[in-house]
Amino acid sequence: MRTIQVVDEVVRRWWNGVWGRLARRDVWLVRHTRWKVVARSGDGETGKVLRWEFDSQTDAQDMVDRLLRADSPGSWQELSPRERASRSAREGGAVG
């Protein structure tokens, strides 16, 4: 018997910078067999989660862009490891 392990890869992630279950927003760009976009409104316990799947990264990124343009409290900040490393390099600091 063969076991196939499926792993989701978080390619990029954003957060609106607001704490609290009513105002917090999170968006993930996830690579699976297909591209998946996950958006959460509120905290991890009681928040509402929406999911979309796409055949291409371009289509998935277009959805992310729509979500980030939507009216939302706070100011979006990318939390992806790649963006933090890039920002740290620009600022001359360590990644962490």
Foldseek 3Di string as FASTA:
>chain_A
DDDDDWDKDFQWKKWQPDDFFQATKIWTFIDTVFIKIWIWGGDPPPIDIDMDTDRDPVVVVVVVVVVQPDDGPHHMDIPGQVVQVVVCVVVVHDRD
